[in-house]
Amino acid sequence: MAEVRSGMSVVQAFDEVAVYFSSSEWRSLSSSQRELYRSVMRETYQCMLAAGCHIQKPEIISRLEDGGDPWLEED
């Protein structure tokens, strides 16, 4: 179970600051924008860990670490 702080789980807190793209939005980004996104998302996750938030790794972070595209499936 995720750690809870002030009524919000840490996973929910990560989702509050995470940015998610559709595949078409992701394709519209330049390579430098994609790299900046990867860097910021990984750093955000690392900061949460450093602050003592012990959570299961979000799927988007796993995708980034595996070199995959982080975009969400479009409906």
Protein backbone atom coordinates (compact mmCIF):
# COMPACT_ATOMS: atom_id res chain seq x y z
CA MET A 1 0.00 0.00 0.00
CA ALA A 2 1.26 3.49 -0.83
CA GLU A 3 2.38 5.76 1.94
CA VAL A 4 -0.30 8.32 2.77
CA ARG A 5 0.34 11.97 3.55
CA SER A 6 -2.43 14.46 4.31
CA GLY A 7 -5.10 12.29 2.74
CA MET A 8 -3.24 11.91 -0.58
CA SER A 9 -1.17 8.86 -1.47
CA VAL A 10 2.36 9.42 -2.73
CA VAL A 11 1.38 7.85 -6.06
CA GLN A 12 -1.39 10.41 -6.37
CA ALA A 13 1.13 13.13 -5.51
CA PHE A 14 3.42 11.91 -8.30
CA ASP A 15 0.48 11.96 -10.70
CA GLU A 16 -0.23 15.56 -9.69
CA VAL A 17 3.18 16.69 -10.97
CA ALA A 18 3.65 14.21 -13.81
CA VAL A 19 2.97 15.23 -17.39
CA TYR A 20 1.42 12.66 -19.71
CA PHE A 21 1.34 12.80 -23.50
CA SER A 22 -0.69 11.02 -26.16
CA SER A 23 1.30 9.44 -28.99
CA SER A 24 0.44 12.32 -31.34
CA GLU A 25 1.50 14.91 -28.75
CA TRP A 26 4.75 12.99 -28.14
CA ARG A 27 5.52 12.88 -31.88
CA SER A 28 5.07 16.65 -32.11
CA LEU A 29 7.90 17.26 -29.62
CA SER A 30 11.44 17.91 -30.83
CA SER A 31 14.18 15.52 -29.73
CA SER A 32 15.51 18.11 -27.26
CA GLN A 33 12.01 18.53 -25.77
CA ARG A 34 11.69 14.76 -25.40
CA GLU A 35 15.06 14.52 -23.69
CA LEU A 36 14.17 17.36 -21.32
CA TYR A 37 10.91 15.59 -20.50
CA ARG A 38 12.73 12.31 -19.77
CA SER A 39 15.22 14.11 -17.55
CA VAL A 40 12.60 16.06 -15.59
CA MET A 41 10.38 13.04 -15.02
CA ARG A 42 13.28 10.89 -13.78
CA GLU A 43 14.50 13.72 -11.54
CA THR A 44 11.01 14.21 -10.09
CA TYR A 45 10.81 10.52 -9.20
CA GLN A 46 14.32 10.57 -7.69
CA CYS A 47 13.43 13.65 -5.59
CA MET A 48 10.37 11.89 -4.23
CA LEU A 49 12.51 8.91 -3.26
CA ALA A 50 15.12 11.17 -1.66
CA ALA A 51 12.36 12.85 0.35
CA GLY A 52 11.48 9.48 1.84
CA CYS A 53 8.51 8.60 -0.32
CA HIS A 54 8.67 4.83 -0.71
CA ILE A 55 6.44 3.98 -3.63
CA GLN A 56 6.25 1.41 -6.35
CA LYS A 57 7.91 2.78 -9.45
CA PRO A 58 5.32 4.46 -11.69
CA GLU A 59 4.84 2.79 -15.08
CA ILE A 60 5.95 5.92 -16.89
CA ILE A 61 9.32 5.86 -15.10
CA SER A 62 9.80 2.19 -15.98
CA ARG A 63 9.07 3.00 -19.63
CA LEU A 64 11.61 5.83 -19.59
CA GLU A 65 14.29 3.67 -17.97
CA ASP A 66 13.68 0.92 -20.52
CA GLY A 67 14.11 3.42 -23.37
CA GLY A 68 10.46 3.22 -24.36
CA ASP A 69 8.09 5.98 -25.29
CA PRO A 70 6.19 7.30 -22.27
CA TRP A 71 3.01 8.33 -24.06
CA LEU A 72 -0.35 6.94 -23.08
CA GLU A 73 -2.62 5.01 -25.40
CA GLU A 74 -5.18 7.21 -27.07
CA ASP A 75 -8.84 6.36 -26.60
